[in-house]
Every structure is written in structure tokens, then in C-alpha cells.
């Protein structure tokens, strides 16, 4: 990786952390320049606009998420073991960011705001939901879930559980959240066996 790409990745990593902590809208060329001890023009040269910066932070987060959450899960036996691994990986990934999962916070920020950032975020969220559908399909194929399983409903319920976990853990600071999340996941899986 050349120096320019290394610098850009360092900027994106700082932007991801900032977006996690304060929201994607708070990440600007100026705020990143201060954090990175760079000039605004130095940051601008990599991104050209705040919107491009925000889109690239989302894409950077997706790449990171794919490497840390999705790909390791695919190495695990399909079905329930893969589902549990994916959930564990998602929880760990969200906890690795100071403010938690950027996709949750950015979805709140941009849900009613038309534009490129929302469009990119929406595309990635649809892809994530499709991954959850495929998890359910793998559980059916493995014989862990009933053959008549509504895989879209499972994806909805699993993501709802993950969002609830995020809320209880981040907003409510409930110390029992990991145990509650594990119990809720076990009940959800049991419902589809």
C-alpha cells in the first residue's frame, strides 16, 4: 500500500471512530483535519466533499464489517453454529467501536434524509438483511430449521434482536444485556427448529 492509500485509510479509520461516537453528520473535513493534524486541503484532496467523505466512511465500515463479521462466520458449520457465530461477531464488532455500530446510528441520522449517503447506507443495509436471510436458508439446508421456515421473517426477527441488543447495551447501559441477548437468541432459534 502506498503512502497516499495508507493516509487515506488512517483518515477513514478515524472518521469511522468519530462517526460511531458522535454520528456521521459530525464528521467533516475540518474536524478530521484537526484530529489527524492535517490541513483541510490535505483531507479535501482525498475526498473532495463532505458527502464523499461520509460515503467512503460507510464503505470503509462495510469492508471492515465484512472482514470481521461475515467472512469469519462463513468458515463455521452452516446452520445454527453459523448464526450464533455471526451474532457474536456482530456484537464484538459493534463493541470495538467507541459509540457502537455505525450502521445503527447512521440509519437513524439519514433515514428521512434523501441523498447519496442515505442511498449507499440503504444498499448496504439491504445487503446485510440478505445475509441474514441466507443464514436462515443455511439453517434450513442443514436441517436445523423447519423446511417451511419463513426466512425473511427470521431475518427480521434476528435483526430486531440485534438492534434491541445495541439499544440496551449502548443507551440503557444494562449490564445484563449479554445474558438477555443470548437468551433471546436461543428462544428465536428454538422457534424455528
Protein backbone atom coordinates (compact mmCIF):
# COMPACT_ATOMS: atom_id res chain seq x y z
CA UNK A 1 0.00 0.00 0.00
CA UNK A 2 1.45 3.38 -0.96
CA UNK A 3 1.70 6.34 1.39
CA UNK A 4 -1.39 8.05 -0.07
CA UNK A 5 -3.55 4.97 0.46
CA UNK A 6 -2.17 4.46 3.96
CA UNK A 7 -3.00 8.07 4.84
CA UNK A 8 -6.48 7.72 3.35
CA UNK A 9 -7.15 4.52 5.32
CA UNK A 10 -5.95 6.21 8.52
CA UNK A 11 -8.31 9.12 7.85
CA UNK A 12 -11.19 6.71 7.20
CA UNK A 13 -10.44 4.75 10.38
CA UNK A 14 -10.51 7.99 12.39
CA UNK A 15 -13.69 9.04 10.59
CA UNK A 16 -15.34 5.70 11.38
CA UNK A 17 -14.48 6.01 15.06
CA UNK A 18 -15.74 9.61 15.12
CA UNK A 19 -18.95 8.65 13.32
CA UNK A 20 -19.51 5.83 15.79
CA UNK A 21 -19.07 8.16 18.71
CA UNK A 22 -20.73 11.39 17.52
CA UNK A 23 -22.69 10.50 14.38
CA UNK A 24 -21.78 10.54 10.72
CA UNK A 25 -23.07 14.08 10.25
CA UNK A 26 -20.49 15.31 12.77
CA UNK A 27 -17.64 14.02 10.59
CA UNK A 28 -16.41 16.83 8.41
CA UNK A 29 -13.23 17.60 6.53
CA UNK A 30 -12.45 20.26 9.16
CA UNK A 31 -13.00 18.03 12.21
CA UNK A 32 -10.95 15.22 10.69
CA UNK A 33 -8.17 17.67 9.79
CA UNK A 34 -7.92 18.64 13.47
CA UNK A 35 -7.90 15.05 14.70
CA UNK A 36 -5.36 13.93 12.10
CA UNK A 37 -3.16 17.03 12.50
CA UNK A 38 -3.50 17.66 8.78
CA UNK A 39 -4.57 20.65 6.75
CA UNK A 40 -8.15 20.84 5.48
CA UNK A 41 -6.78 20.86 1.94
CA UNK A 42 -4.87 17.65 2.72
CA UNK A 43 -8.10 15.93 3.76
CA UNK A 44 -10.06 17.56 0.93
CA UNK A 45 -7.57 16.19 -1.60
CA UNK A 46 -8.59 12.65 -0.65
CA UNK A 47 -12.37 13.13 -0.60
CA UNK A 48 -13.39 16.33 -2.47
CA UNK A 49 -16.55 16.86 -0.36
CA UNK A 50 -18.18 16.06 2.96
CA UNK A 51 -20.68 13.79 1.20
CA UNK A 52 -17.90 11.78 -0.48
CA UNK A 53 -16.13 11.54 2.87
CA UNK A 54 -19.28 10.19 4.54
CA UNK A 55 -19.90 7.68 1.73
CA UNK A 56 -16.31 6.48 1.91
CA UNK A 57 -16.57 6.07 5.69
CA UNK A 58 -19.66 3.90 5.21
CA UNK A 59 -17.89 1.85 2.54
CA UNK A 60 -14.82 1.54 4.78
CA UNK A 61 -17.07 0.36 7.63
CA UNK A 62 -18.69 -2.21 5.31
CA UNK A 63 -15.28 -3.57 4.29
CA UNK A 64 -14.28 -3.80 7.94
CA UNK A 65 -17.63 -5.38 8.88
CA UNK A 66 -17.32 -7.94 6.09
CA UNK A 67 -13.80 -8.92 7.23
CA UNK A 68 -14.64 -9.04 10.94
CA UNK A 69 -18.24 -10.32 10.97
CA UNK A 70 -19.35 -12.01 7.78
CA UNK A 71 -16.28 -13.79 6.37
CA UNK A 72 -15.26 -15.48 9.66
CA UNK A 73 -18.85 -16.69 10.07
CA UNK A 74 -18.78 -18.38 6.68
CA UNK A 75 -15.94 -20.59 7.90
CA UNK A 76 -18.21 -22.07 10.58
CA UNK A 77 -20.55 -25.00 10.00
CA UNK A 78 -23.74 -23.79 8.33
CA UNK A 79 -26.97 -23.56 10.26
CA UNK A 80 -27.29 -22.67 13.94
CA UNK A 81 -23.50 -22.61 14.61
CA UNK A 82 -23.08 -20.06 11.81
CA UNK A 83 -25.99 -17.95 13.07
CA UNK A 84 -24.55 -17.83 16.60
CA UNK A 85 -21.08 -17.00 15.27
CA UNK A 86 -22.46 -14.20 13.09
CA UNK A 87 -24.30 -12.71 16.07
CA UNK A 88 -21.23 -12.98 18.31
CA UNK A 89 -19.08 -11.36 15.61
CA UNK A 90 -21.60 -8.53 15.14
CA UNK A 91 -21.66 -7.85 18.88
CA UNK A 92 -17.85 -7.85 19.08
CA UNK A 93 -17.56 -5.59 16.05
CA UNK A 94 -20.06 -3.10 17.43
CA UNK A 95 -18.32 -3.12 20.79
CA UNK A 96 -14.95 -2.48 19.13
CA UNK A 97 -16.19 1.00 18.16
CA UNK A 98 -16.44 3.54 20.97
CA UNK A 99 -20.02 4.50 20.11
CA UNK A 100 -21.18 1.14 18.78
CA UNK A 101 -22.37 0.10 15.36
CA UNK A 102 -22.15 2.95 12.85
CA UNK A 103 -24.88 1.41 10.71
CA UNK A 104 -27.38 1.74 13.56
CA UNK A 105 -26.51 5.37 14.30
CA UNK A 106 -26.22 6.39 10.63
CA UNK A 107 -29.56 4.75 9.84
CA UNK A 108 -31.16 6.96 12.49
CA UNK A 109 -29.42 10.05 11.13
CA UNK A 110 -30.18 9.51 7.46
CA UNK A 111 -33.45 7.55 7.41
CA UNK A 112 -35.51 10.57 6.35
CA UNK A 113 -32.78 12.46 4.53
CA UNK A 114 -32.67 11.84 0.77
CA UNK A 115 -29.31 11.81 -0.97
CA UNK A 116 -26.27 9.76 -1.82
CA UNK A 117 -25.29 8.96 1.78
CA UNK A 118 -28.74 7.53 2.52
CA UNK A 119 -28.77 5.60 -0.76
CA UNK A 120 -25.39 3.99 -0.07
CA UNK A 121 -26.36 3.20 3.51
CA UNK A 122 -29.67 1.70 2.36
CA UNK A 123 -27.94 -0.51 -0.22
CA UNK A 124 -25.57 -1.85 2.41
CA UNK A 125 -28.40 -2.46 4.89
CA UNK A 126 -30.33 -4.41 2.24
CA UNK A 127 -27.21 -6.48 1.61
CA UNK A 128 -26.88 -7.17 5.35
CA UNK A 129 -30.53 -8.25 5.58
CA UNK A 130 -29.94 -10.53 2.60
CA UNK A 131 -27.04 -12.08 4.53
CA UNK A 132 -29.42 -12.78 7.42
CA UNK A 133 -31.88 -14.41 5.01
CA UNK A 134 -29.05 -16.60 3.72
CA UNK A 135 -28.22 -17.56 7.31
CA UNK A 136 -31.76 -18.82 7.75
CA UNK A 137 -31.60 -20.64 4.41
CA UNK A 138 -28.39 -22.35 5.52
CA UNK A 139 -30.13 -23.48 8.72
CA UNK A 140 -32.98 -24.96 6.67
CA UNK A 141 -30.49 -26.68 4.34
CA UNK A 142 -28.56 -28.07 7.32
CA UNK A 143 -31.79 -29.45 8.78
CA UNK A 144 -31.58 -27.16 11.84
CA UNK A 145 -34.72 -25.18 10.88
CA UNK A 146 -38.06 -26.48 9.62
CA UNK A 147 -38.39 -26.72 5.85
CA UNK A 148 -41.36 -24.30 5.92
CA UNK A 149 -39.33 -21.59 7.69
CA UNK A 150 -40.16 -18.05 6.58
CA UNK A 151 -36.53 -16.95 6.11
CA UNK A 152 -37.48 -13.30 5.65
CA UNK A 153 -39.35 -13.31 8.95
CA UNK A 154 -36.36 -14.90 10.65
CA UNK A 155 -34.08 -12.18 9.23
CA UNK A 156 -36.48 -9.51 10.53
CA UNK A 157 -36.60 -11.06 13.99
CA UNK A 158 -32.85 -11.61 14.19
CA UNK A 159 -32.05 -8.04 13.15
CA UNK A 160 -34.67 -6.74 15.58
CA UNK A 161 -32.92 -8.70 18.31
CA UNK A 162 -29.55 -7.21 17.33
CA UNK A 163 -30.96 -3.68 17.30
CA UNK A 164 -32.52 -4.28 20.71
CA UNK A 165 -29.19 -5.53 21.98
CA UNK A 166 -27.50 -2.38 20.70
CA UNK A 167 -30.10 -0.16 22.38
CA UNK A 168 -30.00 -1.95 25.74
CA UNK A 169 -26.20 -2.11 25.74
CA UNK A 170 -25.42 1.39 24.46
CA UNK A 171 -28.31 3.58 25.55
CA UNK A 172 -29.60 1.87 28.68
CA UNK A 173 -26.18 0.59 29.80
CA UNK A 174 -27.90 -2.58 31.04
CA UNK A 175 -25.15 -4.81 32.42
CA UNK A 176 -27.34 -7.89 31.90
CA UNK A 177 -27.70 -7.26 28.18
CA UNK A 178 -25.32 -10.05 27.04
CA UNK A 179 -27.27 -12.65 29.02
CA UNK A 180 -30.60 -11.28 27.78
CA UNK A 181 -29.35 -11.26 24.20
CA UNK A 182 -28.16 -14.87 24.46
CA UNK A 183 -31.48 -16.00 25.94
CA UNK A 184 -33.45 -14.11 23.26
CA UNK A 185 -31.32 -15.63 20.50
CA UNK A 186 -31.81 -19.14 21.89
CA UNK A 187 -35.59 -18.61 22.02
CA UNK A 188 -35.62 -17.25 18.48
CA UNK A 189 -33.66 -20.21 17.15
CA UNK A 190 -35.83 -22.65 19.09
CA UNK A 191 -38.93 -21.13 17.48
CA UNK A 192 -37.65 -22.11 14.03
CA UNK A 193 -36.42 -25.65 14.82
